[in-house]
């Protein structure tokens, strides 16, 4: 007899998560002990006391429990969540969507489930919050392995290997507002007539665009420039930098873009970026004359974004090189090539203390253009919003709502891409990008 379902179509068996996930649970010890990723995370003498994490449906009695002990030992069981140091909880119907073979946004990650601009009732972490922050990277990997154990490996897009790189890197000195005089690293590629400047996301650097800047179609069409913001990646900290004091605001960000356009003698380039760089693309369009911009492509962008920042991205007792990349990892499309997703993880693990946190000062509420976006003149600076469908941070709906406030702006949602489209899957992203560039050129000509 099949399981009884409620009015939402959710099987009652999902109230007991161990029962619903019995296939994965039955082989969980073997899966964890044979997973190189999991083993690399627990192979440290710094785990000096056992930690137990639980995964449970709200309303259910039993949880999936996994314990990690000193000596890189892992064991799994089922039982009461009282045995766990912290427990990830969600409603039965939410877990059913989360553990689907091909999940849709925002059910691709637990961070997405917890909400940001998609607030879901019943989702949360119960128990020791500091221990969760310290071991969230293990919890994320556990969820991935449970989904894989239940459904088999997820089929990911291919990423062809390259044998030749076409980028040239250099340094240049600028005076950046707020941050001070600094030595900025930038890279160039391509010989096409259209200049385009790529901006990286919060707490990262311009290596995110290597796939795009090596693409033959883009090298023929554009002259591409990408730079690391001061104190990011390979750029030096500004003269006003003190370890831990980094912050970002519109004056610093737009001013740095303006100074780079001026220093590199660019002629009305298109400005393109994702996440906080998508937000600043909106600011650049508003201040196009000042910056010298000839168009912008926000890969995610809207006129205002805010959220409750109760997380541990600048905690003295949480390892930011583990917590920060884990927090953003679930913003990507699940089928993006693994090598590219791991590159994003690596870049977010490599930034200095407080850089990611300070950048989010701009992204989460620091930029507010709700009373200014209608002033954007698309004849002077065309703007084309290009969000990824899997992005639960600045959602396609949010970008589209802002685009509708700008007379003549364009918008398109990118299928199969998430919060880091240029890095996740360059092959899939470049056709969307070329379409946006063509539209901007035609709009300016007309």
Protein backbone atom coordinates (compact mmCIF):
# COMPACT_ATOMS: atom_id res chain seq x y z
CA UNK A 1 0.00 0.00 0.00
CA UNK A 2 1.50 3.37 -1.02
CA UNK A 3 2.16 6.06 1.64
CA UNK A 4 -0.73 8.41 2.39
CA UNK A 5 -0.23 11.99 1.20
CA UNK A 6 -1.65 15.22 2.61
CA UNK A 7 -3.44 17.97 0.69
CA UNK A 8 -0.05 19.35 -0.50
CA UNK A 9 0.88 16.01 -2.04
CA UNK A 10 3.57 15.35 0.56
CA UNK A 11 4.01 11.77 1.63
CA UNK A 12 3.57 11.28 5.37
CA UNK A 13 6.72 9.17 5.30
CA UNK A 14 8.74 12.42 5.07
CA UNK A 15 7.71 13.23 8.64
CA UNK A 16 10.23 10.54 9.54
CA UNK A 17 13.28 11.67 7.60
CA UNK A 18 15.27 8.48 8.33
CA UNK A 19 12.40 6.45 6.86
CA UNK A 20 12.06 8.67 3.77
CA UNK A 21 15.83 8.60 3.21
CA UNK A 22 16.26 4.92 4.11
CA UNK A 23 18.21 4.07 0.98
CA UNK A 24 20.87 6.69 1.71
CA UNK A 25 20.82 6.15 5.48
CA UNK A 26 21.43 2.40 5.17
CA UNK A 27 24.78 3.00 3.45
CA UNK A 28 25.71 6.33 5.06
CA UNK A 29 28.71 5.06 7.04
CA UNK A 30 30.22 3.62 3.88
CA UNK A 31 29.46 6.77 1.88
CA UNK A 32 31.09 9.07 4.46
CA UNK A 33 34.13 6.92 5.06
CA UNK A 34 34.80 6.61 1.31
CA UNK A 35 34.21 10.25 0.38
CA UNK A 36 37.54 12.10 -0.18
CA UNK A 37 35.87 15.48 0.41
CA UNK A 38 34.47 14.46 3.81
CA UNK A 39 37.71 12.78 4.83
CA UNK A 40 39.76 15.86 3.92
CA UNK A 41 37.55 18.01 6.16
CA UNK A 42 37.81 15.74 9.22
CA UNK A 43 41.52 14.94 8.81
CA UNK A 44 42.70 17.43 11.44
CA UNK A 45 43.96 17.15 14.99
CA UNK A 46 41.98 20.31 15.81
CA UNK A 47 38.80 18.25 16.29
CA UNK A 48 39.47 17.64 19.99
CA UNK A 49 35.97 16.62 21.12
CA UNK A 50 33.14 14.74 19.41
CA UNK A 51 30.45 16.68 17.55
CA UNK A 52 27.09 15.27 16.49
CA UNK A 53 24.89 16.84 13.84
CA UNK A 54 21.28 15.96 13.16
CA UNK A 55 18.87 16.32 10.24
CA UNK A 56 15.17 16.13 11.05
CA UNK A 57 11.69 16.92 9.77
CA UNK A 58 9.56 19.23 11.92
CA UNK A 59 6.89 17.17 13.63
CA UNK A 60 9.00 14.02 13.46
CA UNK A 61 10.59 12.16 16.34
CA UNK A 62 13.61 10.63 14.62
CA UNK A 63 16.61 12.39 13.13
CA UNK A 64 19.51 11.28 10.96
CA UNK A 65 22.56 11.60 13.22
CA UNK A 66 26.22 11.80 12.24
CA UNK A 67 29.06 12.04 14.76
CA UNK A 68 32.66 13.02 14.14
CA UNK A 69 35.23 12.12 16.80
CA UNK A 70 38.92 12.88 17.31
CA UNK A 71 41.10 10.72 15.13
CA UNK A 72 39.01 11.37 11.98
CA UNK A 73 36.30 8.90 12.97
CA UNK A 74 32.76 9.12 11.63
CA UNK A 75 29.66 7.18 12.64
CA UNK A 76 26.00 7.52 11.67
CA UNK A 77 22.77 6.47 13.36
CA UNK A 78 19.15 7.50 13.77
CA UNK A 79 17.40 8.60 16.91
CA UNK A 80 16.32 11.60 18.95
CA UNK A 81 17.68 14.99 17.97
CA UNK A 82 18.44 15.49 21.68
CA UNK A 83 21.63 13.55 21.00
CA UNK A 84 22.84 16.18 18.49
CA UNK A 85 24.84 19.31 19.21
CA UNK A 86 22.84 21.01 16.47
CA UNK A 87 20.02 19.88 14.18
CA UNK A 88 19.01 21.09 10.74
CA UNK A 89 15.22 21.16 10.59
CA UNK A 90 12.75 21.75 7.80
CA UNK A 91 9.16 20.81 7.09
CA UNK A 92 8.56 17.37 5.53
CA UNK A 93 7.49 18.84 2.17
CA UNK A 94 10.61 21.04 2.11
CA UNK A 95 12.93 18.05 2.65
CA UNK A 96 11.05 16.15 -0.05
CA UNK A 97 11.85 18.91 -2.55
CA UNK A 98 15.38 19.32 -1.20
CA UNK A 99 16.31 15.65 -1.64
CA UNK A 100 14.79 15.39 -5.13
CA UNK A 101 17.08 14.02 -7.83
CA UNK A 102 17.03 17.39 -9.66
CA UNK A 103 16.12 20.08 -7.10
CA UNK A 104 14.89 23.50 -8.12
CA UNK A 105 15.80 26.80 -6.46
CA UNK A 106 15.91 27.42 -3.54
CA UNK A 107 15.88 23.73 -2.58
CA UNK A 108 19.44 23.20 -3.80
CA UNK A 109 21.07 24.12 -0.47
CA UNK A 110 20.17 24.46 3.19
CA UNK A 111 21.35 28.08 3.20
CA UNK A 112 18.83 28.67 0.43
CA UNK A 113 16.17 26.86 2.41
CA UNK A 114 16.80 29.05 5.45
CA UNK A 115 15.82 31.98 3.31
CA UNK A 116 17.15 35.40 2.51
CA UNK A 117 14.68 36.99 0.21
CA UNK A 118 12.83 33.67 0.11
CA UNK A 119 11.64 33.20 3.70
CA UNK A 120 10.37 29.70 4.45
CA UNK A 121 8.54 28.78 7.63
CA UNK A 122 9.86 25.90 9.68
CA UNK A 123 13.46 25.97 8.43
CA UNK A 124 16.26 26.54 10.90
CA UNK A 125 19.16 25.26 12.96
CA UNK A 126 18.33 24.16 16.50
CA UNK A 127 20.90 23.70 19.23
CA UNK A 128 24.43 25.07 19.54
CA UNK A 129 24.69 27.85 16.94
CA UNK A 130 28.45 28.33 17.31
CA UNK A 131 29.11 24.64 16.75
CA UNK A 132 26.88 24.75 13.68
CA UNK A 133 28.92 27.66 12.30
CA UNK A 134 32.15 25.80 13.03
CA UNK A 135 30.94 22.60 11.32
CA UNK A 136 28.51 23.92 8.70
CA UNK A 137 30.90 22.77 5.94
CA UNK A 138 30.44 19.20 7.19
CA UNK A 139 26.66 19.62 7.37
CA UNK A 140 26.58 20.86 3.78
CA UNK A 141 28.64 17.92 2.55
CA UNK A 142 26.45 15.50 4.52
CA UNK A 143 23.33 16.83 2.78
CA UNK A 144 25.00 16.47 -0.62
CA UNK A 145 26.00 12.88 0.10
CA UNK A 146 22.54 11.99 1.39
CA UNK A 147 20.97 13.32 -1.82
CA UNK A 148 23.51 11.39 -3.87
CA UNK A 149 23.01 8.22 -1.81
CA UNK A 150 19.27 8.42 -2.36
CA UNK A 151 19.24 9.26 -6.09
CA UNK A 152 22.68 8.46 -7.45
CA UNK A 153 25.27 11.02 -8.64
CA UNK A 154 23.91 14.24 -10.12
CA UNK A 155 24.72 14.57 -13.82
CA UNK A 156 26.80 17.74 -14.16
CA UNK A 157 27.66 19.78 -17.26
CA UNK A 158 30.96 19.13 -18.98
CA UNK A 159 33.83 21.58 -18.75
CA UNK A 160 36.39 21.21 -21.57
CA UNK A 161 40.01 21.51 -20.51
CA UNK A 162 42.16 24.28 -21.97
CA UNK A 163 45.85 24.13 -22.85
CA UNK A 164 46.41 27.81 -23.63
CA UNK A 165 45.62 30.93 -21.64
CA UNK A 166 45.02 34.30 -23.30
CA UNK A 167 45.09 36.66 -20.31
CA UNK A 168 47.75 39.26 -19.49
CA UNK A 169 48.03 40.64 -15.97
CA UNK A 170 49.49 43.96 -14.78
CA UNK A 171 49.36 46.38 -11.85
CA UNK A 172 48.34 50.03 -11.82
CA UNK A 173 48.21 52.65 -9.04
CA UNK A 174 44.98 54.54 -8.33
CA UNK A 175 43.52 56.69 -5.56
CA UNK A 176 40.34 54.92 -4.46
CA UNK A 177 37.75 56.85 -2.46
CA UNK A 178 37.45 55.58 1.15
CA UNK A 179 40.14 52.92 0.65
CA UNK A 180 43.02 55.26 -0.26
CA UNK A 181 45.93 54.95 -2.68
CA UNK A 182 46.42 51.36 -3.77
CA UNK A 183 48.14 49.09 -6.26
CA UNK A 184 45.41 47.31 -8.24
CA UNK A 185 45.83 44.11 -10.23
CA UNK A 186 44.01 43.86 -13.55
CA UNK A 187 43.91 41.44 -16.47
CA UNK A 188 43.11 41.92 -20.13
CA UNK A 189 42.13 39.62 -22.96
CA UNK A 190 40.72 39.91 -26.47
CA UNK A 191 41.12 42.39 -29.30
CA UNK A 192 37.50 43.10 -30.20
CA UNK A 193 36.12 46.63 -30.65
CA UNK A 194 33.78 46.56 -27.65
CA UNK A 195 35.45 47.27 -24.32
CA UNK A 196 33.90 45.50 -21.33
CA UNK A 197 34.95 45.61 -17.66
CA UNK A 198 34.12 42.63 -15.44
CA UNK A 199 33.62 43.09 -11.70
CA UNK A 200 33.93 40.24 -9.21
CA UNK A 201 31.56 39.31 -6.39
CA UNK A 202 31.86 40.12 -2.67
CA UNK A 203 34.92 38.66 -1.00
CA UNK A 204 36.39 37.26 -4.21
CA UNK A 205 38.50 38.34 -7.18
CA UNK A 206 38.53 38.53 -10.97
CA UNK A 207 39.72 34.97 -11.53
CA UNK A 208 35.97 34.38 -11.70
CA UNK A 209 36.08 35.60 -15.32
CA UNK A 210 38.94 33.52 -16.72
CA UNK A 211 36.57 31.16 -18.51
CA UNK A 212 34.80 34.05 -20.22
CA UNK A 213 38.01 35.92 -21.01
CA UNK A 214 39.50 32.83 -22.66
CA UNK A 215 36.39 32.18 -24.76
CA UNK A 216 37.18 32.58 -28.49
CA UNK A 217 33.82 34.24 -29.21
CA UNK A 218 34.41 36.87 -26.56
CA UNK A 219 38.05 37.47 -27.52
CA UNK A 220 36.96 38.27 -31.06
CA UNK A 221 34.06 40.47 -30.04
CA UNK A 222 35.51 42.38 -27.09
CA UNK A 223 38.53 43.81 -25.38
CA UNK A 224 37.99 42.53 -21.84
CA UNK A 225 39.31 43.96 -18.59
CA UNK A 226 38.84 42.51 -15.11
CA UNK A 227 40.38 43.84 -11.90
CA UNK A 228 40.56 42.91 -8.23
CA UNK A 229 39.17 45.52 -5.86
CA UNK A 230 41.67 46.92 -3.35
CA UNK A 231 42.50 44.37 -0.61
CA UNK A 232 40.94 41.59 -2.70
CA UNK A 233 42.69 38.77 -4.51
CA UNK A 234 45.98 39.97 -5.94
CA UNK A 235 45.41 43.72 -5.34
CA UNK A 236 47.14 45.44 -2.45
CA UNK A 237 45.21 46.95 0.49
CA UNK A 238 44.56 50.67 0.24
CA UNK A 239 46.52 53.15 2.35
CA UNK A 240 43.54 53.47 4.73
CA UNK A 241 43.26 49.73 5.35
CA UNK A 242 43.54 48.25 8.84
CA UNK A 243 43.13 44.46 9.21
CA UNK A 244 39.45 43.86 9.88
CA UNK A 245 38.24 47.39 9.07
CA UNK A 246 37.21 46.81 5.43
CA UNK A 247 33.85 48.20 4.40
CA UNK A 248 32.25 48.96 1.07
CA UNK A 249 29.81 51.66 0.04
CA UNK A 250 28.64 53.32 -3.14
CA UNK A 251 31.25 56.10 -3.08
CA UNK A 252 34.14 53.66 -2.65
CA UNK A 253 32.86 51.20 -5.23
CA UNK A 254 31.69 53.54 -7.98
CA UNK A 255 34.71 55.75 -7.39
CA UNK A 256 37.13 52.85 -7.84
CA UNK A 257 35.46 51.83 -11.10
CA UNK A 258 35.62 55.45 -12.27
CA UNK A 259 39.34 55.69 -11.43
CA UNK A 260 40.11 52.40 -13.26
CA UNK A 261 38.20 53.54 -16.36
CA UNK A 262 40.16 56.80 -16.29
CA UNK A 263 43.57 55.22 -15.56
CA UNK A 264 43.19 52.62 -18.33
CA UNK A 265 41.88 55.29 -20.76
CA UNK A 266 38.77 53.27 -21.62
CA UNK A 267 36.17 54.68 -23.99
CA UNK A 268 32.61 54.19 -22.72
CA UNK A 269 33.08 50.53 -21.72
CA UNK A 270 30.26 48.21 -20.71
CA UNK A 271 30.42 47.41 -16.97
CA UNK A 272 29.33 43.88 -16.00
CA UNK A 273 29.21 42.07 -12.66
CA UNK A 274 27.32 39.71 -10.38
CA UNK A 275 26.06 39.91 -6.79
CA UNK A 276 27.32 43.15 -5.19
CA UNK A 277 28.89 43.91 -8.59
CA UNK A 278 25.40 43.57 -10.08
CA UNK A 279 24.16 46.15 -7.60
CA UNK A 280 26.99 48.53 -8.48
CA UNK A 281 26.13 48.13 -12.18
CA UNK A 282 22.84 49.81 -11.31
CA UNK A 283 24.74 52.58 -9.50
CA UNK A 284 27.08 52.99 -12.48
CA UNK A 285 24.11 53.35 -14.84
CA UNK A 286 22.74 56.11 -12.61
CA UNK A 287 26.17 57.83 -12.54
CA UNK A 288 27.19 56.97 -16.12
CA UNK A 289 28.56 60.41 -16.99
CA UNK A 290 30.79 60.45 -13.92
CA UNK A 291 32.13 56.93 -14.54
CA UNK A 292 32.36 57.19 -18.31
CA UNK A 293 30.29 54.03 -18.82
CA UNK A 294 28.54 53.14 -22.06
CA UNK A 295 26.26 50.41 -20.71
CA UNK A 296 25.90 48.00 -17.83
CA UNK A 297 24.99 44.32 -17.45
CA UNK A 298 23.96 43.46 -13.88
CA UNK A 299 24.14 39.65 -13.69
CA UNK A 300 22.16 40.06 -10.54
CA UNK A 301 21.05 43.48 -9.52
CA UNK A 302 18.16 45.39 -8.03
CA UNK A 303 17.50 48.80 -6.54
CA UNK A 304 17.58 47.65 -2.90
CA UNK A 305 18.39 44.45 -1.05
CA UNK A 306 18.44 43.75 2.64
CA UNK A 307 18.53 40.79 5.02
CA UNK A 308 19.14 40.00 8.67
CA UNK A 309 22.92 39.52 8.93
CA UNK A 310 22.93 37.11 11.85
CA UNK A 311 25.71 34.87 10.59
CA UNK A 312 29.36 34.24 11.41
CA UNK A 313 31.35 35.67 8.48
CA UNK A 314 33.53 37.78 10.82
CA UNK A 315 33.49 35.70 13.99
CA UNK A 316 36.72 35.27 16.00
CA UNK A 317 35.69 31.69 16.89
CA UNK A 318 34.65 30.52 13.40
CA UNK A 319 37.08 29.77 10.57
CA UNK A 320 36.11 32.13 7.74
CA UNK A 321 38.04 30.04 5.22
CA UNK A 322 35.50 27.28 5.89
CA UNK A 323 32.35 29.21 6.78
CA UNK A 324 32.36 31.83 4.01
CA UNK A 325 32.76 29.50 1.01
CA UNK A 326 30.22 27.11 2.49
CA UNK A 327 27.69 29.93 2.88
CA UNK A 328 27.86 30.91 -0.80
CA UNK A 329 28.35 27.43 -2.29
CA UNK A 330 24.64 26.67 -2.43
CA UNK A 331 23.90 29.73 -4.59
CA UNK A 332 25.15 27.93 -7.68
CA UNK A 333 23.21 25.81 -10.15
CA UNK A 334 23.50 22.17 -9.07
CA UNK A 335 24.47 20.90 -12.53
CA UNK A 336 27.30 23.38 -13.09
CA UNK A 337 30.65 21.63 -13.69
CA UNK A 338 32.13 20.47 -10.40
CA UNK A 339 35.55 21.93 -11.21
CA UNK A 340 34.01 25.41 -11.49
CA UNK A 341 32.00 25.10 -8.29
CA UNK A 342 35.14 24.04 -6.46
CA UNK A 343 36.98 27.04 -7.94
CA UNK A 344 34.36 29.35 -6.40
CA UNK A 345 34.79 27.53 -3.07
CA UNK A 346 38.57 27.93 -3.30
CA UNK A 347 38.45 31.66 -4.06
CA UNK A 348 36.06 32.33 -1.19
CA UNK A 349 38.32 30.36 1.12
CA UNK A 350 41.35 32.49 0.27
CA UNK A 351 40.38 36.06 1.18
CA UNK A 352 41.68 38.10 4.10
CA UNK A 353 39.85 38.54 7.38
CA UNK A 354 36.76 40.75 7.18
CA UNK A 355 36.83 41.36 3.41
CA UNK A 356 33.67 39.37 2.64
CA UNK A 357 31.88 40.85 5.64
CA UNK A 358 32.81 44.41 4.66
CA UNK A 359 31.69 43.93 1.08
CA UNK A 360 28.28 42.86 2.32
CA UNK A 361 27.94 46.28 3.97
CA UNK A 362 27.26 47.49 0.43
CA UNK A 363 25.24 44.52 -0.83
CA UNK A 364 22.85 44.16 2.12
CA UNK A 365 21.18 47.52 2.51
CA UNK A 366 24.18 49.77 1.89
CA UNK A 367 23.04 50.43 -1.67
CA UNK A 368 19.62 52.00 -2.05
CA UNK A 369 18.53 53.36 -5.43
CA UNK A 370 14.76 53.01 -5.08
CA UNK A 371 14.25 56.72 -5.68
CA UNK A 372 16.92 56.98 -8.40
CA UNK A 373 16.63 54.09 -10.87
CA UNK A 374 13.91 55.80 -12.89
CA UNK A 375 16.48 58.49 -13.81
CA UNK A 376 18.65 56.03 -15.77
CA UNK A 377 18.88 57.15 -19.41
CA UNK A 378 19.20 53.99 -21.52
CA UNK A 379 20.04 56.06 -24.60
CA UNK A 380 23.24 57.08 -22.83
CA UNK A 381 23.85 53.97 -20.71
CA UNK A 382 21.71 50.98 -21.71
CA UNK A 383 21.15 48.47 -18.90
CA UNK A 384 20.42 44.77 -19.38
CA UNK A 385 19.57 42.67 -16.30
CA UNK A 386 20.78 39.07 -16.64
CA UNK A 387 20.14 37.02 -13.45
CA UNK A 388 20.53 33.25 -13.04
CA UNK A 389 17.44 31.17 -12.34
CA UNK A 390 19.05 29.35 -9.39
CA UNK A 391 20.06 32.51 -7.54
CA UNK A 392 18.03 32.85 -4.33
CA UNK A 393 20.01 35.93 -3.23
CA UNK A 394 18.99 38.54 -5.80
CA UNK A 395 16.26 36.55 -7.48
CA UNK A 396 15.24 36.97 -11.13
CA UNK A 397 11.93 38.38 -9.89
CA UNK A 398 13.75 41.10 -7.95
CA UNK A 399 15.87 42.05 -10.95
CA UNK A 400 12.84 42.12 -13.21
CA UNK A 401 10.95 44.37 -10.79
CA UNK A 402 13.81 46.88 -10.90
CA UNK A 403 14.10 46.64 -14.69
CA UNK A 404 10.44 47.58 -14.99
CA UNK A 405 11.14 50.85 -13.17
CA UNK A 406 13.68 51.89 -15.83
CA UNK A 407 12.19 53.05 -19.11
CA UNK A 408 13.78 51.06 -21.94
CA UNK A 409 15.77 48.63 -19.77
CA UNK A 410 16.04 44.97 -20.79
CA UNK A 411 15.81 41.77 -18.75
CA UNK A 412 16.36 38.04 -19.28
CA UNK A 413 16.62 35.16 -16.82
CA UNK A 414 19.42 32.67 -17.56
CA UNK A 415 18.44 29.00 -17.48
CA UNK A 416 20.70 26.55 -15.69
CA UNK A 417 22.82 29.23 -13.99
CA UNK A 418 23.03 30.60 -10.47
CA UNK A 419 24.68 33.40 -8.51
CA UNK A 420 28.11 33.10 -10.22
CA UNK A 421 27.14 32.53 -13.87
CA UNK A 422 30.43 33.59 -15.47
CA UNK A 423 32.38 31.13 -13.32
CA UNK A 424 29.86 28.31 -12.92
CA UNK A 425 29.46 27.52 -16.59
CA UNK A 426 31.16 29.90 -19.08
CA UNK A 427 29.96 27.89 -22.09
CA UNK A 428 26.35 28.32 -21.02
CA UNK A 429 26.81 31.93 -19.94
CA UNK A 430 28.63 33.45 -22.94
CA UNK A 431 25.67 33.27 -25.40
CA UNK A 432 23.52 35.21 -22.90
CA UNK A 433 26.32 37.74 -22.45
CA UNK A 434 26.81 38.25 -26.19
CA UNK A 435 23.07 38.80 -26.62
CA UNK A 436 23.17 41.50 -23.92
CA UNK A 437 26.23 43.16 -25.49
CA UNK A 438 24.55 43.20 -28.92
CA UNK A 439 21.43 44.78 -27.44
CA UNK A 440 23.44 47.49 -25.68
CA UNK A 441 25.32 48.30 -28.89
CA UNK A 442 22.12 48.52 -30.93
CA UNK A 443 20.40 50.63 -28.26
CA UNK A 444 23.28 53.09 -28.20
CA UNK A 445 23.37 53.31 -32.00
CA UNK A 446 19.66 54.04 -32.19
